[in-house]
Amino acid sequence: MRRNRVVRVLMFAPVAIVALAVFGFVVMSLWNWLMPLLFGLRAITYWQAFGVLILSRILFGGLGGRPGHRARQRIWERMTPEQREKFRDGMRHRCGEFGEKATEG
């Protein structure tokens, strides 16, 4: 089992490296195509584009899953139908009607 995990990691590593390289190139190409024309900014190098990619990941949390989504989903799955309805009623009280019921009538 452990050996299988090591093999998967070794197979995934080159794919991840290539994907990061491609993302960096795409960011550089888009920046150098759009930003100088639209905003009068200078063209950037590949490594600067890679830095912009990392900075955007830090600031906006892109390129990844939603943190805490799984935990909320598990909590919802463990609720009984009565608990779910009570939760929905509480949300309706706080936020008002939404979805299909709000558009009716």
PDB file of N, CA and C in Angstrom:
ATOM      1  N   MET A   1       0.832  -1.198   0.000  1.00  0.00           N
ATOM      2  CA  MET A   1       0.000   0.000   0.000  1.00  0.00           C
ATOM      3  C   MET A   1       0.873   1.257   0.000  1.00  0.00           C
ATOM      4  N   ARG A   2       1.872   1.282   0.877  1.00  0.00           N
ATOM      5  CA  ARG A   2       2.752   2.445   0.956  1.00  0.00           C
ATOM      6  C   ARG A   2       3.548   2.601  -0.345  1.00  0.00           C
ATOM      7  N   ARG A   3       3.963   1.490  -0.917  1.00  0.00           N
ATOM      8  CA  ARG A   3       4.719   1.532  -2.160  1.00  0.00           C
ATOM      9  C   ARG A   3       3.858   2.106  -3.281  1.00  0.00           C
ATOM     10  N   ASN A   4       2.583   1.757  -3.299  1.00  0.00           N
ATOM     11  CA  ASN A   4       1.662   2.260  -4.303  1.00  0.00           C
ATOM     12  C   ASN A   4       1.533   3.781  -4.193  1.00  0.00           C
ATOM     13  N   ARG A   5       1.510   4.292  -2.972  1.00  0.00           N
ATOM     14  CA  ARG A   5       1.413   5.741  -2.761  1.00  0.00           C
ATOM     15  C   ARG A   5       2.664   6.444  -3.286  1.00  0.00           C
ATOM     16  N   VAL A   6       3.829   5.867  -3.046  1.00  0.00           N
ATOM     17  CA  VAL A   6       5.080   6.453  -3.517  1.00  0.00           C
ATOM     18  C   VAL A   6       5.098   6.494  -5.041  1.00  0.00           C
ATOM     19  N   VAL A   7       4.634   5.432  -5.672  1.00  0.00           N
ATOM     20  CA  VAL A   7       4.590   5.388  -7.137  1.00  0.00           C
ATOM     21  C   VAL A   7       3.657   6.476  -7.661  1.00  0.00           C
ATOM     22  N   ARG A   8       2.505   6.645  -7.021  1.00  0.00           N
ATOM     23  CA  ARG A   8       1.570   7.691  -7.472  1.00  0.00           C
ATOM     24  C   ARG A   8       2.183   9.080  -7.332  1.00  0.00           C
ATOM     25  N   VAL A   9       2.877   9.324  -6.217  1.00  0.00           N
ATOM     26  CA  VAL A   9       3.508  10.631  -6.019  1.00  0.00           C
ATOM     27  C   VAL A   9       4.573  10.859  -7.073  1.00  0.00           C
ATOM     28  N   LEU A  10       5.376   9.845  -7.347  1.00  0.00           N
ATOM     29  CA  LEU A  10       6.422   9.985  -8.361  1.00  0.00           C
ATOM     30  C   LEU A  10       5.855  10.199  -9.760  1.00  0.00           C
ATOM     31  N   MET A  11       4.688   9.647 -10.022  1.00  0.00           N
ATOM     32  CA  MET A  11       4.046   9.859 -11.321  1.00  0.00           C
ATOM     33  C   MET A  11       3.386  11.239 -11.390  1.00  0.00           C
ATOM     34  N   PHE A  12       2.885  11.723 -10.251  1.00  0.00           N
ATOM     35  CA  PHE A  12       2.193  13.007 -10.228  1.00  0.00           C
ATOM     36  C   PHE A  12       3.162  14.184 -10.260  1.00  0.00           C
ATOM     37  N   ALA A  13       4.337  14.041  -9.667  1.00  0.00           N
ATOM     38  CA  ALA A  13       5.288  15.154  -9.558  1.00  0.00           C
ATOM     39  C   ALA A  13       5.646  15.769 -10.914  1.00  0.00           C
ATOM     40  N   PRO A  14       6.022  14.978 -11.923  1.00  0.00           N
ATOM     41  CA  PRO A  14       6.331  15.601 -13.218  1.00  0.00           C
ATOM     42  C   PRO A  14       5.127  16.308 -13.840  1.00  0.00           C
ATOM     43  N   VAL A  15       3.952  15.748 -13.674  1.00  0.00           N
ATOM     44  CA  VAL A  15       2.740  16.379 -14.214  1.00  0.00           C
ATOM     45  C   VAL A  15       2.510  17.724 -13.528  1.00  0.00           C
ATOM     46  N   ALA A  16       2.690  17.767 -12.217  1.00  0.00           N
ATOM     47  CA  ALA A  16       2.502  19.014 -11.472  1.00  0.00           C
ATOM     48  C   ALA A  16       3.529  20.063 -11.892  1.00  0.00           C
ATOM     49  N   ILE A  17       4.760  19.648 -12.088  1.00  0.00           N
ATOM     50  CA  ILE A  17       5.809  20.586 -12.501  1.00  0.00           C
ATOM     51  C   ILE A  17       5.500  21.156 -13.883  1.00  0.00           C
ATOM     52  N   VAL A  18       5.090  20.307 -14.798  1.00  0.00           N
ATOM     53  CA  VAL A  18       4.737  20.767 -16.150  1.00  0.00           C
ATOM     54  C   VAL A  18       3.534  21.705 -16.089  1.00  0.00           C
ATOM     55  N   ALA A  19       2.532  21.371 -15.267  1.00  0.00           N
ATOM     56  CA  ALA A  19       1.344  22.220 -15.150  1.00  0.00           C
ATOM     57  C   ALA A  19       1.719  23.595 -14.604  1.00  0.00           C
ATOM     58  N   LEU A  20       2.580  23.654 -13.587  1.00  0.00           N
ATOM     59  CA  LEU A  20       3.016  24.948 -13.053  1.00  0.00           C
ATOM     60  C   LEU A  20       3.775  25.752 -14.101  1.00  0.00           C
ATOM     61  N   ALA A  21       4.620  25.073 -14.867  1.00  0.00           N
ATOM     62  CA  ALA A  21       5.368  25.757 -15.916  1.00  0.00           C
ATOM     63  C   ALA A  21       4.427  26.329 -16.974  1.00  0.00           C
ATOM     64  N   VAL A  22       3.426  25.549 -17.346  1.00  0.00           N
ATOM     65  CA  VAL A  22       2.458  26.012 -18.349  1.00  0.00           C
ATOM     66  C   VAL A  22       1.649  27.190 -17.804  1.00  0.00           C
ATOM     67  N   PHE A  23       1.191  27.088 -16.548  1.00  0.00           N
ATOM     68  CA  PHE A  23       0.449  28.209 -15.955  1.00  0.00           C
ATOM     69  C   PHE A  23       1.293  29.479 -15.935  1.00  0.00           C
ATOM     70  N   GLY A  24       2.565  29.354 -15.579  1.00  0.00           N
ATOM     71  CA  GLY A  24       3.454  30.520 -15.582  1.00  0.00           C
ATOM     72  C   GLY A  24       3.585  31.128 -16.967  1.00  0.00           C
ATOM     73  N   PHE A  25       3.724  30.270 -17.970  1.00  0.00           N
ATOM     74  CA  PHE A  25       3.835  30.757 -19.345  1.00  0.00           C
ATOM     75  C   PHE A  25       2.545  31.435 -19.799  1.00  0.00           C
ATOM     76  N   VAL A  26       1.407  30.860 -19.429  1.00  0.00           N
ATOM     77  CA  VAL A  26       0.115  31.449 -19.802  1.00  0.00           C
ATOM     78  C   VAL A  26      -0.055  32.819 -19.152  1.00  0.00           C
ATOM     79  N   VAL A  27       0.288  32.918 -17.857  1.00  0.00           N
ATOM     80  CA  VAL A  27       0.180  34.213 -17.169  1.00  0.00           C
ATOM     81  C   VAL A  27       1.090  35.233 -17.839  1.00  0.00           C
ATOM     82  N   MET A  28       2.332  34.839 -18.140  1.00  0.00           N
ATOM     83  CA  MET A  28       3.267  35.754 -18.792  1.00  0.00           C
ATOM     84  C   MET A  28       2.730  36.204 -20.150  1.00  0.00           C
ATOM     85  N   SER A  29       2.238  35.262 -20.928  1.00  0.00           N
ATOM     86  CA  SER A  29       1.739  35.598 -22.263  1.00  0.00           C
ATOM     87  C   SER A  29       0.537  36.533 -22.203  1.00  0.00           C
ATOM     88  N   LEU A  30      -0.408  36.230 -21.309  1.00  0.00           N
ATOM     89  CA  LEU A  30      -1.585  37.094 -21.194  1.00  0.00           C
ATOM     90  C   LEU A  30      -1.212  38.488 -20.690  1.00  0.00           C
ATOM     91  N   TRP A  31      -0.329  38.544 -19.709  1.00  0.00           N
ATOM     92  CA  TRP A  31       0.101  39.842 -19.177  1.00  0.00           C
ATOM     93  C   TRP A  31       0.750  40.661 -20.291  1.00  0.00           C
ATOM     94  N   ASN A  32       1.719  40.046 -20.964  1.00  0.00           N
ATOM     95  CA  ASN A  32       2.471  40.775 -21.994  1.00  0.00           C
ATOM     96  C   ASN A  32       1.613  41.133 -23.200  1.00  0.00           C
ATOM     97  N   TRP A  33       0.534  40.431 -23.409  1.00  0.00           N
ATOM     98  CA  TRP A  33      -0.370  40.737 -24.505  1.00  0.00           C
ATOM     99  C   TRP A  33      -1.329  41.858 -24.130  1.00  0.00           C
ATOM    100  N   LEU A  34      -1.871  41.819 -22.908  1.00  0.00           N
ATOM    101  CA  LEU A  34      -2.936  42.749 -22.534  1.00  0.00           C
ATOM    102  C   LEU A  34      -2.471  43.984 -21.765  1.00  0.00           C
ATOM    103  N   MET A  35      -1.674  43.787 -20.731  1.00  0.00           N
ATOM    104  CA  MET A  35      -1.384  44.885 -19.810  1.00  0.00           C
ATOM    105  C   MET A  35      -0.640  46.060 -20.436  1.00  0.00           C
ATOM    106  N   PRO A  36       0.364  45.841 -21.277  1.00  0.00           N
ATOM    107  CA  PRO A  36       1.013  47.007 -21.896  1.00  0.00           C
ATOM    108  C   PRO A  36       0.063  47.813 -22.782  1.00  0.00           C
ATOM    109  N   LEU A  37      -0.826  47.123 -23.494  1.00  0.00           N
ATOM    110  CA  LEU A  37      -1.751  47.828 -24.378  1.00  0.00           C
ATOM    111  C   LEU A  37      -2.860  48.539 -23.601  1.00  0.00           C
ATOM    112  N   LEU A  38      -3.407  47.865 -22.584  1.00  0.00           N
ATOM    113  CA  LEU A  38      -4.543  48.430 -21.860  1.00  0.00           C
ATOM    114  C   LEU A  38      -4.145  49.478 -20.824  1.00  0.00           C
ATOM    115  N   PHE A  39      -3.076  49.203 -20.083  1.00  0.00           N
ATOM    116  CA  PHE A  39      -2.738  50.061 -18.946  1.00  0.00           C
ATOM    117  C   PHE A  39      -1.355  50.689 -19.036  1.00  0.00           C
ATOM    118  N   GLY A  40      -0.622  50.438 -20.099  1.00  0.00           N
ATOM    119  CA  GLY A  40       0.703  51.019 -20.262  1.00  0.00           C
ATOM    120  C   GLY A  40       1.744  50.431 -19.312  1.00  0.00           C
ATOM    121  N   LEU A  41       1.526  49.210 -18.839  1.00  0.00           N
ATOM    122  CA  LEU A  41       2.486  48.570 -17.946  1.00  0.00           C
ATOM    123  C   LEU A  41       3.571  47.886 -18.761  1.00  0.00           C
ATOM    124  N   ARG A  42       4.694  47.590 -18.101  1.00  0.00           N
ATOM    125  CA  ARG A  42       5.805  46.936 -18.783  1.00  0.00           C
ATOM    126  C   ARG A  42       5.534  45.439 -18.951  1.00  0.00           C
ATOM    127  N   ALA A  43       6.205  44.850 -19.903  1.00  0.00           N
ATOM    128  CA  ALA A  43       6.156  43.392 -20.083  1.00  0.00           C
ATOM    129  C   ALA A  43       6.922  42.743 -18.931  1.00  0.00           C
ATOM    130  N   ILE A  44       6.570  41.499 -18.604  1.00  0.00           N
ATOM    131  CA  ILE A  44       7.216  40.806 -17.494  1.00  0.00           C
ATOM    132  C   ILE A  44       7.913  39.544 -17.992  1.00  0.00           C
ATOM    133  N   THR A  45       8.841  39.055 -17.175  1.00  0.00           N
ATOM    134  CA  THR A  45       9.558  37.822 -17.515  1.00  0.00           C
ATOM    135  C   THR A  45       8.760  36.618 -17.019  1.00  0.00           C
ATOM    136  N   TYR A  46       9.249  35.432 -17.375  1.00  0.00           N
ATOM    137  CA  TYR A  46       8.586  34.204 -16.943  1.00  0.00           C
ATOM    138  C   TYR A  46       8.557  34.117 -15.417  1.00  0.00           C
ATOM    139  N   TRP A  47       9.678  34.409 -14.767  1.00  0.00           N
ATOM    140  CA  TRP A  47       9.740  34.276 -13.310  1.00  0.00           C
ATOM    141  C   TRP A  47       8.875  35.314 -12.605  1.00  0.00           C
ATOM    142  N   GLN A  48       8.749  36.496 -13.177  1.00  0.00           N
ATOM    143  CA  GLN A  48       7.828  37.484 -12.617  1.00  0.00           C
ATOM    144  C   GLN A  48       6.383  36.998 -12.764  1.00  0.00           C
ATOM    145  N   ALA A  49       6.068  36.386 -13.887  1.00  0.00           N
ATOM    146  CA  ALA A  49       4.724  35.829 -14.094  1.00  0.00           C
ATOM    147  C   ALA A  49       4.463  34.714 -13.094  1.00  0.00           C
ATOM    148  N   PHE A  50       5.462  33.883 -12.844  1.00  0.00           N
ATOM    149  CA  PHE A  50       5.326  32.815 -11.863  1.00  0.00           C
ATOM    150  C   PHE A  50       5.081  33.407 -10.472  1.00  0.00           C
ATOM    151  N   GLY A  51       5.757  34.508 -10.162  1.00  0.00           N
ATOM    152  CA  GLY A  51       5.534  35.198  -8.897  1.00  0.00           C
ATOM    153  C   GLY A  51       4.128  35.765  -8.796  1.00  0.00           C
ATOM    154  N   VAL A  52       3.627  36.310  -9.892  1.00  0.00           N
ATOM    155  CA  VAL A  52       2.252  36.819  -9.913  1.00  0.00           C
ATOM    156  C   VAL A  52       1.272  35.673  -9.678  1.00  0.00           C
ATOM    157  N   LEU A  53       1.549  34.521 -10.270  1.00  0.00           N
ATOM    158  CA  LEU A  53       0.705  33.344 -10.081  1.00  0.00           C
ATOM    159  C   LEU A  53       0.678  32.916  -8.613  1.00  0.00           C
ATOM    160  N   ILE A  54       1.831  32.872  -7.981  1.00  0.00           N
ATOM    161  CA  ILE A  54       1.902  32.504  -6.561  1.00  0.00           C
ATOM    162  C   ILE A  54       1.205  33.553  -5.705  1.00  0.00           C
ATOM    163  N   LEU A  55       1.432  34.828  -6.010  1.00  0.00           N
ATOM    164  CA  LEU A  55       0.789  35.899  -5.251  1.00  0.00           C
ATOM    165  C   LEU A  55      -0.731  35.824  -5.369  1.00  0.00           C
ATOM    166  N   SER A  56      -1.236  35.548  -6.562  1.00  0.00           N
ATOM    167  CA  SER A  56      -2.684  35.443  -6.730  1.00  0.00           C
ATOM    168  C   SER A  56      -3.230  34.250  -5.959  1.00  0.00           C
ATOM    169  N   ARG A  57      -2.463  33.173  -5.877  1.00  0.00           N
ATOM    170  CA  ARG A  57      -2.884  32.006  -5.084  1.00  0.00           C
ATOM    171  C   ARG A  57      -2.977  32.364  -3.605  1.00  0.00           C
ATOM    172  N   ILE A  58      -2.000  33.109  -3.127  1.00  0.00           N
ATOM    173  CA  ILE A  58      -1.997  33.517  -1.723  1.00  0.00           C
ATOM    174  C   ILE A  58      -3.153  34.470  -1.437  1.00  0.00           C
ATOM    175  N   LEU A  59      -3.351  35.461  -2.303  1.00  0.00           N
ATOM    176  CA  LEU A  59      -4.365  36.490  -2.049  1.00  0.00           C
ATOM    177  C   LEU A  59      -5.789  36.001  -2.269  1.00  0.00           C
ATOM    178  N   PHE A  60      -6.000  35.234  -3.317  1.00  0.00           N
ATOM    179  CA  PHE A  60      -7.360  34.864  -3.693  1.00  0.00           C
ATOM    180  C   PHE A  60      -7.695  33.397  -3.471  1.00  0.00           C
ATOM    181  N   GLY A  61      -6.718  32.571  -3.157  1.00  0.00           N
ATOM    182  CA  GLY A  61      -6.977  31.168  -2.885  1.00  0.00           C
ATOM    183  C   GLY A  61      -7.448  30.383  -4.088  1.00  0.00           C
ATOM    184  N   GLY A  62      -7.069  30.809  -5.270  1.00  0.00           N
ATOM    185  CA  GLY A  62      -7.486  30.098  -6.468  1.00  0.00           C
ATOM    186  C   GLY A  62      -6.693  28.823  -6.671  1.00  0.00           C
ATOM    187  N   LEU A  63      -7.019  28.078  -7.688  1.00  0.00           N
ATOM    188  CA  LEU A  63      -6.343  26.847  -8.075  1.00  0.00           C
ATOM    189  C   LEU A  63      -6.445  25.756  -7.022  1.00  0.00           C
ATOM    190  N   GLY A  64      -7.426  25.853  -6.184  1.00  0.00           N
ATOM    191  CA  GLY A  64      -7.569  24.840  -5.163  1.00  0.00           C
ATOM    192  C   GLY A  64      -9.013  24.625  -4.801  1.00  0.00           C
ATOM    193  N   GLY A  65      -9.236  23.702  -3.904  1.00  0.00           N
ATOM    194  CA  GLY A  65     -10.589  23.439  -3.451  1.00  0.00           C
ATOM    195  C   GLY A  65     -11.068  24.473  -2.459  1.00  0.00           C
ATOM    196  N   ARG A  66     -12.310  24.357  -2.082  1.00  0.00           N
ATOM    197  CA  ARG A  66     -12.880  25.274  -1.113  1.00  0.00           C
ATOM    198  C   ARG A  66     -12.583  24.752   0.280  1.00  0.00           C
ATOM    199  N   PRO A  67     -11.874  25.528   1.108  1.00  0.00           N
ATOM    200  CA  PRO A  67     -11.556  25.036   2.439  1.00  0.00           C
ATOM    201  C   PRO A  67     -12.809  24.900   3.290  1.00  0.00           C
ATOM    202  N   GLY A  68     -12.899  23.804   4.007  1.00  0.00           N
ATOM    203  CA  GLY A  68     -14.019  23.589   4.911  1.00  0.00           C
ATOM    204  C   GLY A  68     -15.272  23.063   4.246  1.00  0.00           C
ATOM    205  N   HIS A  69     -15.284  22.932   2.933  1.00  0.00           N
ATOM    206  CA  HIS A  69     -16.483  22.477   2.236  1.00  0.00           C
ATOM    207  C   HIS A  69     -16.855  21.064   2.653  1.00  0.00           C
ATOM    208  N   ARG A  70     -15.872  20.188   2.746  1.00  0.00           N
ATOM    209  CA  ARG A  70     -16.129  18.800   3.120  1.00  0.00           C
ATOM    210  C   ARG A  70     -16.720  18.709   4.520  1.00  0.00           C
ATOM    211  N   ALA A  71     -16.183  19.492   5.454  1.00  0.00           N
ATOM    212  CA  ALA A  71     -16.681  19.448   6.835  1.00  0.00           C
ATOM    213  C   ALA A  71     -18.136  19.879   6.891  1.00  0.00           C
ATOM    214  N   ARG A  72     -18.488  20.949   6.191  1.00  0.00           N
ATOM    215  CA  ARG A  72     -19.883  21.406   6.178  1.00  0.00           C
ATOM    216  C   ARG A  72     -20.786  20.363   5.545  1.00  0.00           C
ATOM    217  N   GLN A  73     -20.301  19.711   4.500  1.00  0.00           N
ATOM    218  CA  GLN A  73     -21.093  18.689   3.829  1.00  0.00           C
ATOM    219  C   GLN A  73     -21.344  17.512   4.769  1.00  0.00           C
ATOM    220  N   ARG A  74     -20.324  17.105   5.522  1.00  0.00           N
ATOM    221  CA  ARG A  74     -20.497  15.991   6.453  1.00  0.00           C
ATOM    222  C   ARG A  74     -21.482  16.348   7.562  1.00  0.00           C
ATOM    223  N   ILE A  75     -21.424  17.587   8.043  1.00  0.00           N
ATOM    224  CA  ILE A  75     -22.361  18.016   9.079  1.00  0.00           C
ATOM    225  C   ILE A  75     -23.783  17.946   8.538  1.00  0.00           C
ATOM    226  N   TRP A  76     -23.996  18.431   7.332  1.00  0.00           N
ATOM    227  CA  TRP A  76     -25.327  18.417   6.719  1.00  0.00           C
ATOM    228  C   TRP A  76     -25.829  16.981   6.558  1.00  0.00           C
ATOM    229  N   GLU A  77     -24.942  16.071   6.138  1.00  0.00           N
ATOM    230  CA  GLU A  77     -25.339  14.683   5.944  1.00  0.00           C
ATOM    231  C   GLU A  77     -25.719  13.999   7.254  1.00  0.00           C
ATOM    232  N   ARG A  78     -25.122  14.430   8.360  1.00  0.00           N
ATOM    233  CA  ARG A  78     -25.431  13.813   9.649  1.00  0.00           C
ATOM    234  C   ARG A  78     -26.705  14.362  10.280  1.00  0.00           C
ATOM    235  N   MET A  79     -27.241  15.461   9.746  1.00  0.00           N
ATOM    236  CA  MET A  79     -28.466  16.040  10.299  1.00  0.00           C
ATOM    237  C   MET A  79     -29.669  15.171   9.965  1.00  0.00           C
ATOM    238  N   THR A  80     -30.616  15.148  10.880  1.00  0.00           N
ATOM    239  CA  THR A  80     -31.879  14.473  10.606  1.00  0.00           C
ATOM    240  C   THR A  80     -32.727  15.407   9.746  1.00  0.00           C
ATOM    241  N   PRO A  81     -33.757  14.896   9.073  1.00  0.00           N
ATOM    242  CA  PRO A  81     -34.626  15.779   8.290  1.00  0.00           C
ATOM    243  C   PRO A  81     -35.241  16.902   9.134  1.00  0.00           C
ATOM    244  N   GLU A  82     -35.544  16.619  10.398  1.00  0.00           N
ATOM    245  CA  GLU A  82     -36.105  17.665  11.267  1.00  0.00           C
ATOM    246  C   GLU A  82     -35.077  18.764  11.538  1.00  0.00           C
ATOM    247  N   GLN A  83     -33.809  18.362  11.771  1.00  0.00           N
ATOM    248  CA  GLN A  83     -32.760  19.348  12.011  1.00  0.00           C
ATOM    249  C   GLN A  83     -32.508  20.193  10.767  1.00  0.00           C
ATOM    250  N   ARG A  84     -32.557  19.571   9.600  1.00  0.00           N
ATOM    251  CA  ARG A  84     -32.364  20.320   8.355  1.00  0.00           C
ATOM    252  C   ARG A  84     -33.476  21.347   8.160  1.00  0.00           C
ATOM    253  N   GLU A  85     -34.706  20.941   8.414  1.00  0.00           N
ATOM    254  CA  GLU A  85     -35.830  21.866   8.256  1.00  0.00           C
ATOM    255  C   GLU A  85     -35.738  23.011   9.261  1.00  0.00           C
ATOM    256  N   LYS A  86     -35.323  22.708  10.478  1.00  0.00           N
ATOM    257  CA  LYS A  86     -35.149  23.753  11.493  1.00  0.00           C
ATOM    258  C   LYS A  86     -34.068  24.742  11.043  1.00  0.00           C
ATOM    259  N   PHE A  87     -32.976  24.217  10.475  1.00  0.00           N
ATOM    260  CA  PHE A  87     -31.907  25.075   9.964  1.00  0.00           C
ATOM    261  C   PHE A  87     -32.424  25.963   8.834  1.00  0.00           C
ATOM    262  N   ARG A  88     -33.170  25.364   7.900  1.00  0.00           N
ATOM    263  CA  ARG A  88     -33.730  26.145   6.779  1.00  0.00           C
ATOM    264  C   ARG A  88     -34.673  27.240   7.279  1.00  0.00           C
ATOM    265  N   ASP A  89     -35.515  26.894   8.254  1.00  0.00           N
ATOM    266  CA  ASP A  89     -36.432  27.897   8.810  1.00  0.00           C
ATOM    267  C   ASP A  89     -35.662  29.045   9.445  1.00  0.00           C
ATOM    268  N   GLY A  90     -34.600  28.724  10.163  1.00  0.00           N
ATOM    269  CA  GLY A  90     -33.764  29.770  10.762  1.00  0.00           C
ATOM    270  C   GLY A  90     -33.147  30.669   9.709  1.00  0.00           C
ATOM    271  N   MET A  91     -32.671  30.067   8.601  1.00  0.00           N
ATOM    272  CA  MET A  91     -32.092  30.863   7.519  1.00  0.00           C
ATOM    273  C   MET A  91     -33.158  31.727   6.849  1.00  0.00           C
ATOM    274  N   ARG A  92     -34.360  31.200   6.668  1.00  0.00           N
ATOM    275  CA  ARG A  92     -35.443  31.993   6.079  1.00  0.00           C
ATOM    276  C   ARG A  92     -35.778  33.178   6.974  1.00  0.00           C
ATOM    277  N   HIS A  93     -35.764  32.947   8.283  1.00  0.00           N
ATOM    278  CA  HIS A  93     -36.076  34.024   9.235  1.00  0.00           C
ATOM    279  C   HIS A  93     -35.013  35.121   9.161  1.00  0.00           C
ATOM    280  N   ARG A  94     -33.741  34.723   9.058  1.00  0.00           N
ATOM    281  CA  ARG A  94     -32.649  35.699   9.023  1.00  0.00           C
ATOM    282  C   ARG A  94     -32.516  36.374   7.669  1.00  0.00           C
ATOM    283  N   CYS A  95     -32.677  35.606   6.589  1.00  0.00           N
ATOM    284  CA  CYS A  95     -32.346  36.107   5.253  1.00  0.00           C
ATOM    285  C   CYS A  95     -33.554  36.350   4.361  1.00  0.00           C
ATOM    286  N   GLY A  96     -34.716  35.897   4.762  1.00  0.00           N
ATOM    287  CA  GLY A  96     -35.886  36.020   3.909  1.00  0.00           C
ATOM    288  C   GLY A  96     -35.962  34.852   2.950  1.00  0.00           C
ATOM    289  N   GLU A  97     -37.033  34.778   2.180  1.00  0.00           N
ATOM    290  CA  GLU A  97     -37.206  33.702   1.212  1.00  0.00           C
ATOM    291  C   GLU A  97     -36.214  33.864   0.072  1.00  0.00           C
ATOM    292  N   PHE A  98     -35.779  32.748  -0.470  1.00  0.00           N
ATOM    293  CA  PHE A  98     -34.883  32.767  -1.603  1.00  0.00           C
ATOM    294  C   PHE A  98     -35.147  31.534  -2.447  1.00  0.00           C
ATOM    295  N   GLY A  99     -34.647  31.555  -3.660  1.00  0.00           N
ATOM    296  CA  GLY A  99     -34.843  30.411  -4.550  1.00  0.00           C
ATOM    297  C   GLY A  99     -36.198  30.466  -5.232  1.00  0.00           C
ATOM    298  N   GLU A 100     -36.737  29.320  -5.567  1.00  0.00           N
ATOM    299  CA  GLU A 100     -37.974  29.229  -6.335  1.00  0.00           C
ATOM    300  C   GLU A 100     -39.171  29.787  -5.555  1.00  0.00           C
ATOM    301  N   LYS A 101     -39.225  29.560  -4.250  1.00  0.00           N
ATOM    302  CA  LYS A 101     -40.355  30.033  -3.472  1.00  0.00           C
ATOM    303  C   LYS A 101     -40.436  31.556  -3.468  1.00  0.00           C
ATOM    304  N   ALA A 102     -39.276  32.217  -3.511  1.00  0.00           N
ATOM    305  CA  ALA A 102     -39.280  33.682  -3.491  1.00  0.00           C
ATOM    306  C   ALA A 102     -39.825  34.264  -4.788  1.00  0.00           C
ATOM    307  N   THR A 103     -39.674  33.544  -5.910  1.00  0.00           N
ATOM    308  CA  THR A 103     -40.130  34.074  -7.183  1.00  0.00           C
ATOM    309  C   THR A 103     -41.594  33.777  -7.451  1.00  0.00           C
ATOM    310  N   GLU A 104     -42.176  32.865  -6.673  1.00  0.00           N
ATOM    311  CA  GLU A 104     -43.596  32.575  -6.845  1.00  0.00           C
ATOM    312  C   GLU A 104     -44.432  33.720  -6.268  1.00  0.00           C
ATOM    313  N   GLY A 105     -45.607  33.912  -6.804  1.00  0.00           N
ATOM    314  CA  GLY A 105     -46.569  34.850  -6.242  1.00  0.00           C
ATOM    315  C   GLY A 105     -46.070  36.211  -6.235  1.00  0.00           C
TER     316      GLY A 105
END
